[in-house]
Protein backbone atom coordinates (compact mmCIF):
# COMPACT_ATOMS: atom_id res chain seq x y z
CA MET A 1 -0.06 -0.01 -0.02
CA THR A 2 1.25 3.52 -0.80
CA HIS A 3 0.25 5.97 1.74
CA ASP A 4 -0.06 9.78 1.06
CA TYR A 5 2.02 10.73 3.98
CA LEU A 6 4.60 9.10 6.29
CA ILE A 7 5.51 11.25 9.36
CA ILE A 8 8.70 10.19 11.04
CA GLY A 9 8.74 10.95 14.55
CA ALA A 10 5.94 11.21 17.21
CA GLY A 11 7.19 14.23 19.25
CA PRO A 12 5.07 17.30 19.39
CA ALA A 13 5.53 18.23 15.68
CA GLY A 14 4.58 14.79 14.31
CA LEU A 15 1.53 14.66 16.49
CA GLN A 16 0.57 18.27 15.71
CA LEU A 17 0.62 17.25 11.95
CA ALA A 18 -0.92 13.90 12.43
CA ALA A 19 -3.82 15.33 14.52
CA LEU A 20 -4.55 17.81 11.53
CA LEU A 21 -4.37 15.06 8.94
CA GLU A 22 -6.43 12.93 11.13
CA ARG A 23 -9.21 15.61 11.61
CA ASP A 24 -9.33 16.11 7.86
CA GLY A 25 -9.50 12.46 7.02
CA HIS A 26 -6.25 12.12 5.09
CA ASP A 27 -4.22 9.02 4.74
CA TYR A 28 -1.01 8.93 6.79
CA VAL A 29 1.07 6.83 9.30
CA VAL A 30 3.52 7.98 12.00
CA LEU A 31 6.63 5.88 12.60
CA GLU A 32 8.10 6.35 15.98
CA GLU A 33 11.30 4.61 17.34
CA GLY A 34 10.15 4.94 21.06
CA GLU A 35 7.55 3.08 22.72
CA GLY A 36 5.41 6.20 23.39
CA ALA A 37 5.03 9.68 22.21
CA GLY A 38 7.42 12.37 23.16
CA THR A 39 10.34 10.18 23.66
CA PHE A 40 12.91 13.07 23.48
CA PHE A 41 11.38 14.58 26.63
CA THR A 42 11.80 11.33 28.59
CA ARG A 43 15.56 12.39 28.40
CA TYR A 44 15.70 16.13 27.98
CA PRO A 45 16.32 18.64 29.57
CA ARG A 46 18.63 16.42 31.59
CA HIS A 47 17.63 18.27 34.89
CA ARG A 48 13.80 17.72 34.21
CA THR A 49 12.50 21.39 34.13
CA LEU A 50 11.44 22.88 30.95
CA ILE A 51 12.06 26.42 29.93
CA SER A 52 8.76 26.63 27.93
CA ILE A 53 6.41 28.78 30.11
CA ASN A 54 3.05 27.56 31.21
CA LYS A 55 1.20 30.76 32.46
CA VAL A 56 -2.24 29.62 33.39
CA TRP A 57 -3.80 32.75 34.48
CA THR A 58 -3.87 35.63 32.05
CA GLY A 59 -6.97 37.46 32.97
CA SER A 60 -8.75 36.51 29.66
CA ASP A 61 -11.03 33.69 28.76
CA ASP A 62 -10.23 33.93 25.08
CA PRO A 63 -8.38 30.60 24.09
CA GLU A 64 -6.64 32.18 21.25
CA PHE A 65 -5.17 35.05 23.33
CA ASN A 66 -4.19 32.43 26.14
CA LEU A 67 -2.04 30.49 23.82
CA ARG A 68 0.38 33.52 23.95
CA SER A 69 1.27 32.38 27.37
CA ASP A 70 1.01 28.56 26.84
CA TRP A 71 4.16 27.40 25.11
CA ASN A 72 3.30 23.68 25.49
CA SER A 73 -0.08 22.91 24.25
CA LEU A 74 -0.58 21.71 20.63
CA LEU A 75 -3.36 23.25 18.49
CA THR A 76 -6.43 21.15 19.07
CA ASP A 77 -10.11 21.75 19.21
CA ASP A 78 -10.46 19.54 22.59
CA PRO A 79 -10.11 21.90 25.52
CA ALA A 80 -9.27 18.84 27.67
CA LEU A 81 -5.93 18.81 25.74
CA LEU A 82 -4.64 21.95 27.05
CA PHE A 83 -1.28 21.76 28.90
CA LYS A 84 -2.92 23.81 31.80
CA ASN A 85 -4.92 20.56 32.69
CA TYR A 86 -1.53 18.82 33.12
CA SER A 87 0.49 21.25 35.15
CA SER A 88 0.08 24.64 36.79
CA ARG A 89 3.78 25.24 37.17
CA TYR A 90 5.28 28.24 35.34
CA PHE A 91 8.18 26.11 34.40
CA PRO A 92 6.69 22.69 34.32
CA ALA A 93 8.25 19.28 34.61
CA ALA A 94 9.36 17.46 31.64
CA ASP A 95 7.46 14.35 32.76
CA ASP A 96 4.27 16.48 32.61
CA LEU A 97 4.81 17.11 28.98
CA VAL A 98 5.45 13.58 28.28
CA ARG A 99 2.05 12.50 29.86
CA TYR A 100 0.41 15.32 27.94
CA LEU A 101 1.94 14.18 24.53
CA ARG A 102 0.91 10.73 25.04
CA ASP A 103 -2.72 11.72 25.65
CA VAL A 104 -2.54 13.67 22.47
CA ALA A 105 -1.32 10.56 20.69
CA ARG A 106 -4.42 8.45 21.50
CA GLY A 107 -6.42 7.74 18.44
CA LEU A 108 -3.72 8.64 15.92
CA ARG A 109 -2.14 6.25 13.61
CA ILE A 110 1.17 5.71 15.13
CA ARG A 111 3.58 2.67 14.89
CA PHE A 112 5.53 2.72 17.99
CA GLY A 113 8.86 0.70 18.54
CA THR A 114 9.75 1.44 14.74
CA ARG A 115 13.13 2.71 14.13
CA VAL A 116 13.52 4.02 10.63
CA ASP A 117 16.98 3.17 9.26
CA HIS A 118 16.59 3.80 5.52
CA ILE A 119 14.69 6.29 3.24
CA CYS A 120 15.11 6.27 -0.51
CA PHE A 121 13.39 8.10 -3.33
CA ASP A 122 12.56 6.79 -6.78
CA GLN A 123 10.12 7.71 -9.41
CA ASP A 124 8.18 10.13 -7.19
CA LEU A 125 7.83 7.59 -4.46
CA PHE A 126 9.65 7.20 -1.15
CA THR A 127 10.49 3.88 0.28
CA VAL A 128 10.97 3.87 4.05
CA ARG A 129 12.44 0.93 5.88
CA ALA A 130 12.45 -0.12 9.51
CA GLY A 131 14.32 -3.30 9.97
CA ALA A 132 12.46 -6.07 7.92
CA ASP A 133 9.34 -3.72 7.48
CA SER A 134 8.74 -1.22 4.78
CA TRP A 135 6.56 1.42 3.67
CA SER A 136 5.81 3.27 0.48
CA ALA A 137 4.45 6.96 0.38
CA ARG A 138 4.22 9.87 -1.89
CA ARG A 139 5.36 12.28 0.71
CA VAL A 140 7.58 11.99 3.83
CA VAL A 141 7.71 14.48 6.58
CA ILE A 142 10.55 14.38 8.87
CA ALA A 143 9.61 15.42 12.49
CA THR A 144 12.43 13.71 14.27
CA GLY A 145 13.90 17.13 15.75
CA VAL A 146 17.60 17.54 16.32
CA SER A 147 18.45 14.16 17.96
CA GLN A 148 22.20 13.94 17.81
CA LEU A 149 24.44 16.06 20.05
CA HIS A 150 26.47 18.60 18.08
CA VAL A 151 30.23 18.07 18.97
CA PRO A 152 32.62 20.90 17.85
CA PRO A 153 35.84 19.93 15.98
CA ILE A 154 38.07 20.14 19.08
CA GLU A 155 41.06 17.94 19.23
CA GLY A 156 40.48 15.51 22.21
CA ALA A 157 36.60 15.98 22.54
CA GLU A 158 36.20 12.35 22.32
CA LEU A 159 37.73 12.22 25.82
CA CYS A 160 34.97 14.40 27.23
CA GLU A 161 31.76 13.67 28.92
CA ARG A 162 28.57 14.87 27.03
CA TYR A 163 25.51 16.69 27.93
CA ASP A 164 23.30 13.79 26.93
CA THR A 165 25.04 11.21 29.14
CA VAL A 166 26.95 12.95 32.02
CA SER A 167 25.58 12.26 35.52
CA VAL A 168 22.92 14.71 36.82
CA ASP A 169 23.74 13.98 40.50
CA PRO A 170 25.61 17.03 41.91
CA GLN A 171 27.19 14.68 44.56
CA ASP A 172 29.39 13.14 41.84
CA PHE A 173 31.05 16.53 41.27
CA VAL A 174 31.90 17.27 44.96
CA ASN A 175 35.15 19.59 45.19
CA GLN A 176 36.06 18.94 41.49
CA ARG A 177 37.03 21.62 38.98
CA VAL A 178 34.58 21.32 36.05
CA LEU A 179 34.86 22.88 32.53
CA ILE A 180 31.72 22.98 30.43
CA ILE A 181 32.04 23.84 26.70
CA GLY A 182 29.12 25.78 25.40
CA LYS A 183 27.26 28.85 26.25
CA GLY A 184 23.48 27.83 25.71
CA ASN A 185 20.81 26.83 28.01
CA SER A 186 21.94 23.18 28.25
CA ALA A 187 25.55 24.42 29.37
CA PHE A 188 24.07 26.79 32.02
CA GLU A 189 21.50 24.36 33.10
CA THR A 190 24.41 21.87 33.83
CA ALA A 191 26.23 24.54 35.56
CA ASP A 192 23.63 25.80 37.72
CA ALA A 193 23.00 22.22 39.04
CA LEU A 194 26.68 22.01 40.08
CA VAL A 195 26.99 25.35 41.94
CA GLU A 196 26.56 23.81 45.42
CA THR A 197 29.08 20.93 45.02
CA ALA A 198 31.64 21.79 42.42
CA ALA A 199 34.82 23.50 43.67
CA VAL A 200 35.37 25.49 40.30
CA ILE A 201 32.95 25.70 37.36
CA HIS A 202 34.05 27.45 33.96
CA VAL A 203 31.63 27.90 31.05
CA ALA A 204 33.53 28.41 27.88
CA GLY A 205 32.69 29.38 24.35
CA PRO A 206 33.76 31.45 21.46
CA HIS A 207 30.87 33.91 21.49
CA SER A 208 29.59 36.47 23.96
CA ILE A 209 26.58 35.20 26.05
CA ARG A 210 23.48 36.33 24.53
CA LEU A 211 20.56 36.84 26.97
CA ALA A 212 17.09 36.07 25.89
CA TRP A 213 15.46 39.08 27.59
CA GLN A 214 17.60 41.22 25.22
CA THR A 215 17.63 39.52 22.09
CA HIS A 216 13.91 38.32 22.33
CA TYR A 217 15.14 34.76 20.94
CA VAL A 218 13.96 32.28 23.52
CA GLY A 219 16.86 29.82 22.63
CA HIS A 220 19.41 32.28 24.02
CA LEU A 221 20.20 32.03 27.79
CA ARG A 222 17.15 32.34 29.83
CA ALA A 223 16.81 33.84 33.17
CA VAL A 224 15.78 30.50 34.71
CA ASN A 225 19.20 29.21 33.83
CA ASN A 226 21.39 32.25 34.49
CA ASN A 227 22.04 32.07 38.20
CA PHE A 228 25.39 30.96 37.43
CA LEU A 229 26.29 34.52 36.17
CA ASP A 230 25.52 35.75 39.64
CA THR A 231 28.07 33.39 41.00
CA TYR A 232 30.73 34.47 38.55
CA GLN A 233 30.39 38.27 38.98
CA LEU A 234 30.33 37.97 42.71
CA LYS A 235 33.52 36.06 42.78
CA SER A 236 32.40 32.53 43.85
CA GLN A 237 35.31 30.73 42.17
CA ASN A 238 33.15 30.38 38.91
CA ALA A 239 33.75 32.03 35.61
CA VAL A 240 32.54 32.44 31.99
CA LEU A 241 35.46 32.27 29.47
CA ASP A 242 35.39 33.92 26.17
CA GLY A 243 37.40 32.05 23.54
CA THR A 244 37.85 28.68 22.11
CA VAL A 245 39.10 25.18 23.45
CA GLU A 246 42.07 24.53 21.19
CA ARG A 247 43.00 21.03 22.70
CA ILE A 248 41.96 18.56 25.23
CA LEU A 249 44.76 16.32 26.80
CA PRO A 250 44.58 13.71 29.48
CA ARG A 251 46.27 14.61 32.65
CA GLU A 252 48.70 12.14 34.34
CA GLY A 253 46.84 10.64 37.19
CA GLY A 254 43.34 11.64 35.86
CA GLY A 255 41.61 14.72 34.66
CA PHE A 256 42.52 17.05 31.78
CA ARG A 257 44.81 19.83 30.55
CA ILE A 258 43.05 22.38 28.27
CA LEU A 259 44.70 24.67 25.84
CA PHE A 260 42.45 27.57 25.83
CA ARG A 261 42.65 30.60 23.44
CA TYR A 262 41.20 33.86 25.01
CA ALA A 263 39.27 36.11 22.75
CA ARG A 264 40.24 39.31 24.43
CA THR A 265 43.07 39.18 26.85
CA VAL A 266 46.78 40.03 26.39
CA GLU A 267 47.52 36.33 27.36
CA ARG A 268 46.34 34.67 24.17
CA ILE A 269 46.87 30.92 25.20
CA ARG A 270 46.68 29.45 28.67
CA GLU A 271 46.83 25.89 29.96
CA ILE A 272 44.10 25.08 32.51
CA GLU A 273 43.63 21.90 34.40
CA TYR A 274 40.28 20.29 35.27
CA ASP A 275 38.89 17.16 36.69
CA ARG A 276 35.95 17.08 34.42
CA VAL A 277 35.11 18.36 30.97
CA VAL A 278 31.49 18.32 29.67
CA ILE A 279 30.49 19.19 26.20
CA ALA A 280 27.00 20.95 26.09
CA THR A 281 27.18 22.56 22.57
CA GLY A 282 23.62 21.79 21.34
CA PHE A 283 22.06 19.32 19.01
CA ARG A 284 22.02 18.48 15.26
CA PHE A 285 19.94 16.68 12.63
CA ASP A 286 20.67 13.04 12.03
CA ALA A 287 20.80 12.55 8.23
CA SER A 288 22.32 8.97 8.36
CA ILE A 289 18.94 7.45 7.52
CA PHE A 290 18.76 8.81 3.96
CA ASP A 291 19.88 6.98 0.90
CA ALA A 292 21.82 9.23 -1.53
CA SER A 293 18.65 9.47 -3.70
CA ALA A 294 16.77 11.16 -0.86
CA ARG A 295 19.43 12.89 1.13
CA PRO A 296 18.58 16.50 1.90
CA ASN A 297 21.00 19.40 1.50
CA LEU A 298 22.36 20.45 4.81
CA VAL A 299 23.25 24.11 5.99
CA ILE A 300 24.33 25.84 9.12
CA ASP A 301 27.31 23.67 9.78
CA ASP A 302 25.43 20.70 8.53
CA ARG A 303 23.10 20.78 11.43
CA PHE A 304 19.92 21.51 9.62
CA PRO A 305 18.26 20.44 6.39
CA GLU A 306 17.87 23.28 3.85
CA GLN A 307 14.23 24.13 3.11
CA THR A 308 12.09 26.08 0.94
CA PRO A 309 9.48 28.58 2.16
CA ALA A 310 7.10 25.54 2.07
CA PHE A 311 9.28 23.62 4.41
CA GLU A 312 10.11 21.25 1.73
CA SER A 313 13.70 19.97 0.97
CA VAL A 314 15.33 22.19 -1.63
CA ASN A 315 16.62 19.18 -3.54
CA VAL A 316 14.16 16.24 -2.79
CA PRO A 317 10.75 16.91 -3.87
CA GLY A 318 8.09 15.63 -1.62
CA LEU A 319 10.36 15.59 1.47
CA TYR A 320 9.11 18.04 4.17
CA PHE A 321 10.18 18.96 7.60
CA ALA A 322 8.19 19.74 10.59
CA GLY A 323 8.93 21.00 14.11
CA THR A 324 12.29 22.25 15.40
CA LEU A 325 13.86 21.26 12.10
CA SER A 326 12.03 24.10 10.57
CA GLN A 327 14.03 26.58 12.48
CA GLN A 328 16.40 26.47 9.48
CA ARG A 329 14.04 29.09 8.09
CA ASP A 330 14.44 31.69 11.05
CA PHE A 331 17.50 30.37 12.74
CA LYS A 332 18.08 32.24 16.11
CA LYS A 333 15.56 34.90 14.99
CA SER A 334 12.04 33.65 15.89
CA THR A 335 10.53 30.63 17.39
CA ASN A 336 10.13 27.65 14.95
CA GLY A 337 12.62 25.75 17.13
CA PHE A 338 10.25 25.50 20.05
CA ILE A 339 6.69 24.06 20.47
CA HIS A 340 5.05 27.48 20.96
CA GLY A 341 6.49 28.55 17.45
CA PHE A 342 6.45 25.36 15.28
CA ARG A 343 3.02 24.37 16.21
CA TYR A 344 1.85 27.25 13.98
CA GLY A 345 4.51 26.34 11.39
CA VAL A 346 3.07 22.79 11.18
CA ARG A 347 -0.52 24.13 10.75
CA ALA A 348 1.05 26.53 7.83
CA LEU A 349 2.56 23.21 6.46
CA HIS A 350 -0.68 21.49 6.66
CA ARG A 351 -2.37 24.23 4.70
CA ILE A 352 0.23 24.29 2.27
CA LEU A 353 -0.10 20.47 1.68
CA GLY A 354 -3.78 20.95 1.39
CA GLU A 355 -3.43 23.67 -1.36
CA ARG A 356 -0.77 21.54 -3.30
CA TYR A 357 -2.36 17.93 -3.07
CA HIS A 358 -5.93 18.08 -1.93
CA ASP A 359 -7.43 20.99 -3.72
CA ALA A 360 -8.06 22.66 -0.26
CA PRO A 361 -7.59 26.49 -0.51
CA TRP A 362 -5.99 28.52 2.54
CA PRO A 363 -9.05 29.31 4.89
CA SER A 364 -10.27 32.58 4.48
CA VAL A 365 -13.12 35.12 5.09
CA SER A 366 -14.52 37.77 2.68
CA PHE A 367 -15.95 41.16 3.38
CA PRO A 368 -16.21 44.59 1.61
CA ALA A 369 -12.82 45.95 0.75
CA SER A 370 -13.21 49.32 2.49
CA PRO A 371 -10.48 50.87 4.61
CA GLU A 372 -12.72 50.86 7.64
CA ALA A 373 -13.54 46.90 7.18
CA ILE A 374 -10.03 46.01 6.61
CA THR A 375 -8.89 48.01 9.69
CA ASP A 376 -11.55 46.42 11.95
CA ALA A 377 -10.30 42.77 10.78
CA ILE A 378 -6.70 43.65 11.45
CA ILE A 379 -7.18 45.23 14.77
CA ALA A 380 -9.49 42.35 15.96
CA ARG A 381 -6.78 39.78 15.16
CA ILE A 382 -3.57 41.58 16.28
CA ASN A 383 -5.18 42.02 19.79
CA VAL A 384 -5.58 38.21 20.34
CA SER A 385 -3.61 36.38 17.74
CA SER A 386 -1.08 33.98 19.24
CA ALA A 387 0.35 32.76 16.01
CA LEU A 388 1.58 36.37 15.07
CA TRP A 389 2.69 37.00 18.48
CA GLN A 390 4.82 33.76 18.76
CA GLN A 391 6.06 33.80 15.23
CA PHE A 392 6.96 37.27 15.06
CA ALA A 393 8.02 38.48 11.55
CA VAL A 394 7.73 34.98 10.22
CA LEU A 395 3.94 34.55 9.93
CA ALA A 396 1.61 37.23 8.55
CA ASP A 397 -2.12 37.65 8.26
CA VAL A 398 -2.82 38.38 4.64
CA VAL A 399 -5.52 40.57 3.06
CA THR A 400 -5.98 40.41 -0.70
CA VAL A 401 -8.10 42.81 -2.49
CA ASP A 402 -9.85 41.99 -5.87
CA GLY A 403 -12.30 44.70 -6.86
CA GLY A 404 -14.59 45.50 -3.98
CA VAL A 405 -13.82 42.22 -2.04
CA ALA A 406 -11.21 41.75 0.46
CA ARG A 407 -10.15 38.22 1.41
CA TYR A 408 -8.57 37.68 4.78
CA ARG A 409 -6.12 34.69 5.38
CA GLU A 410 -4.38 33.82 8.75
CA GLU A 411 -0.87 32.89 9.59
CA VAL A 412 0.72 32.66 6.06
CA PRO A 413 4.63 32.36 6.19
CA VAL A 414 5.95 35.78 4.96
CA ALA A 415 8.48 33.85 2.80
CA TYR A 416 5.68 31.91 1.16
CA LEU A 417 3.53 34.94 -0.04
CA GLU A 418 2.90 35.02 -3.70
CA PRO A 419 2.97 38.15 -5.85
CA GLY A 420 -0.60 39.62 -6.39
CA PRO A 421 -2.12 42.89 -7.63
CA LEU A 422 -2.59 44.10 -4.12
CA THR A 423 -1.63 42.22 -0.81
CA ILE A 424 -1.69 43.51 2.69
CA ALA A 425 0.53 41.58 5.06
CA VAL A 426 0.24 42.14 8.70
CA THR A 427 2.97 40.98 11.24
CA LEU A 428 4.05 41.69 14.79
CA GLU A 429 7.82 42.67 14.76
CA TYR A 430 10.55 44.06 16.96
CA GLY A 431 12.38 47.02 15.56
CA PRO A 432 15.81 47.01 13.92
CA GLY A 433 18.38 46.91 16.56
CA HIS A 434 16.13 45.81 19.25
CA ASP A 435 18.65 43.12 20.28
CA GLN A 436 21.45 45.77 20.70
CA VAL A 437 19.89 47.71 23.54
CA ASP A 438 19.79 47.03 27.19
CA PRO A 439 16.03 46.84 28.08
CA PHE A 440 16.74 47.83 31.70
CA ASP A 441 18.86 50.96 30.93
CA ILE A 442 16.66 53.75 31.69
CA ASP A 443 18.99 56.29 30.09
CA VAL A 444 18.41 54.67 26.71
CA PRO A 445 16.07 57.08 24.71
CA ARG A 446 12.60 55.48 24.33
CA ILE A 447 9.66 55.87 21.90
CA ALA A 448 6.80 57.30 23.40
CA GLU A 449 4.12 54.91 24.27
CA ASN A 450 0.94 55.28 22.16
CA ASP A 451 2.60 57.85 19.86
CA PRO A 452 1.60 57.18 16.21
CA GLU A 453 3.96 59.78 14.88
CA ALA A 454 6.92 57.83 16.19
CA ALA A 455 5.46 54.30 15.68
CA HIS A 456 8.13 53.41 12.83
CA ASP A 457 10.94 53.87 15.23
CA ALA A 458 9.47 51.36 18.03
CA SER A 459 12.00 48.74 19.12
CA TYR A 460 9.48 46.66 21.16
CA LEU A 461 6.93 44.19 19.61
CA HIS A 462 4.30 46.02 17.54
CA PRO A 463 2.13 45.45 14.34
CA VAL A 464 3.59 46.43 10.88
CA VAL A 465 1.35 46.58 7.91
CA ARG A 466 2.94 46.25 4.51
CA VAL A 467 1.40 46.73 1.16
CA ARG A 468 2.69 44.75 -1.80
CA ARG A 469 1.94 45.35 -5.55
CA ASP A 470 3.16 42.29 -7.58
CA GLY A 471 5.20 41.21 -4.73
CA VAL A 472 7.18 44.60 -4.12
CA VAL A 473 6.34 46.42 -0.93
CA VAL A 474 5.15 49.94 -1.90
CA ALA A 475 3.91 51.26 1.38
CA GLU A 476 4.54 50.44 5.13
CA HIS A 477 2.69 51.34 8.32
CA HIS A 478 3.65 50.86 11.91
CA LEU A 479 1.13 50.75 14.90
CA ALA A 480 2.29 52.56 18.05
CA GLU A 481 3.84 50.60 20.90
CA ASN A 482 1.64 49.83 23.83
CA LEU A 483 2.75 48.75 27.23
CA GLU A 484 0.12 46.02 27.50
CA ASN A 485 -0.02 45.24 23.81
CA HIS A 486 -3.51 46.53 23.31
CA TRP A 487 -3.64 48.13 19.76
CA ASN A 488 -7.06 49.35 19.91
CA ILE A 489 -7.06 52.98 20.76
CA PRO A 490 -9.14 54.78 18.16
CA SER A 491 -7.19 57.97 17.70
CA VAL A 492 -3.63 56.04 18.20
CA HIS A 493 -4.26 52.70 16.37
CA GLN A 494 -7.50 52.59 14.21
CA GLU A 495 -7.71 56.04 12.71
CA PRO A 496 -4.03 56.25 11.53
CA LEU A 497 -4.57 52.77 9.88
CA VAL A 498 -7.60 53.67 8.34
CA ARG A 499 -5.90 56.92 6.78
CA PHE A 500 -2.97 54.60 5.63
CA LEU A 501 -5.21 52.18 3.80
CA LYS A 502 -7.32 54.85 2.21
CA GLY A 503 -4.04 55.94 0.65
CA VAL A 504 -3.14 52.67 -0.95
CA LEU A 505 -6.57 51.36 -1.80
């Protein structure tokens, strides 16, 4: 039997796509190596606390608005399958997410305990093998995530312990000198866990630490993992080293000698000794299952498959990617690397597949193409939309105008927009240079809140409306910043937008 879709992986992305295909009655099968859904989260994060927030109480009963503060739920019509029913903790336990995902998986067509070891492509069909079993499919969607530890090319790296296997018992590190290579959340999660027992902890990497509260990229160092910085700056025998580990050598009697090249000191190379060295440098895509006929191009140090704006491989037609792998499209800029971002990316992928293969146009609503009606529709959406909020600058609500009729489509990838006679794209965006400003420095000049004249200079998240003719942006309008993100003040938000639209329609 040849299936329309084979989905590889029953993590949150695979489940999200399977649930949408199931709802619409499409033919699919999910192949999952583990014995249950969400296997990745049975191991990670190693210290078992998620950094995806779960803010249950928002003051609103609007389910769309509430998803802005719910970073773990998948998109479902069943209110019982909201993550708030599984945990009330702001930073929940990983085991609660596993329990949630396994409930989502009920009723979906999933083959557990099925490890895919070979994918090939021939004459418009994929053959997927798992041991002695094989499947045929017109399209394959890879939703395996980044399942392999990324190990940098350091001489002696094979001697080190790794984030995915190192002990998580702090007592195993009592009075030891520890080097952690990496400056992301996994590295600082590990360091924070050892501050009570290790004698010395150094966290090292070639780039400066990037704090999520400044960059607005949630994959940068989060506050929940940055207590270690306090121990460094207050001289508690811990440090952050800026530079590169050149070589790792075993030390006679145990431990290691590290040749470290500093990035910004007079002393360029120093030899430092440690009892333990842990590599925590992130993860990468495992491309080993692909035959040469189906092997996708890889980018970003070969860590991710290269994708078109439709989340399709650039070199293997019919091979799609869902979930954290889709962050190749917005790497370290928006949120496709995380559940609260890629759930919308998966829904966009589902709509793209519907357009391409099932004669199902992108859902839309129509109304008279007056500036007032279009403004009302835009204002209503931007004040509750979770997709535009989470996937800032990546997803857009799109209004197309044909004669006297406006057609409103939600959550279209900006890169996927097709040229048309008149297209109005609405996004939420941070201003240029937003990640270069200390958000807590009161001496930094600020844009006046609710000032429509200065809206185009705003650095904080705010709505941007762009008009395109034949694919070219011909006009742009920014809505003024608002402290509580309420863009519905008539004189500040609605009326300037109506005037702008009158000028372009």
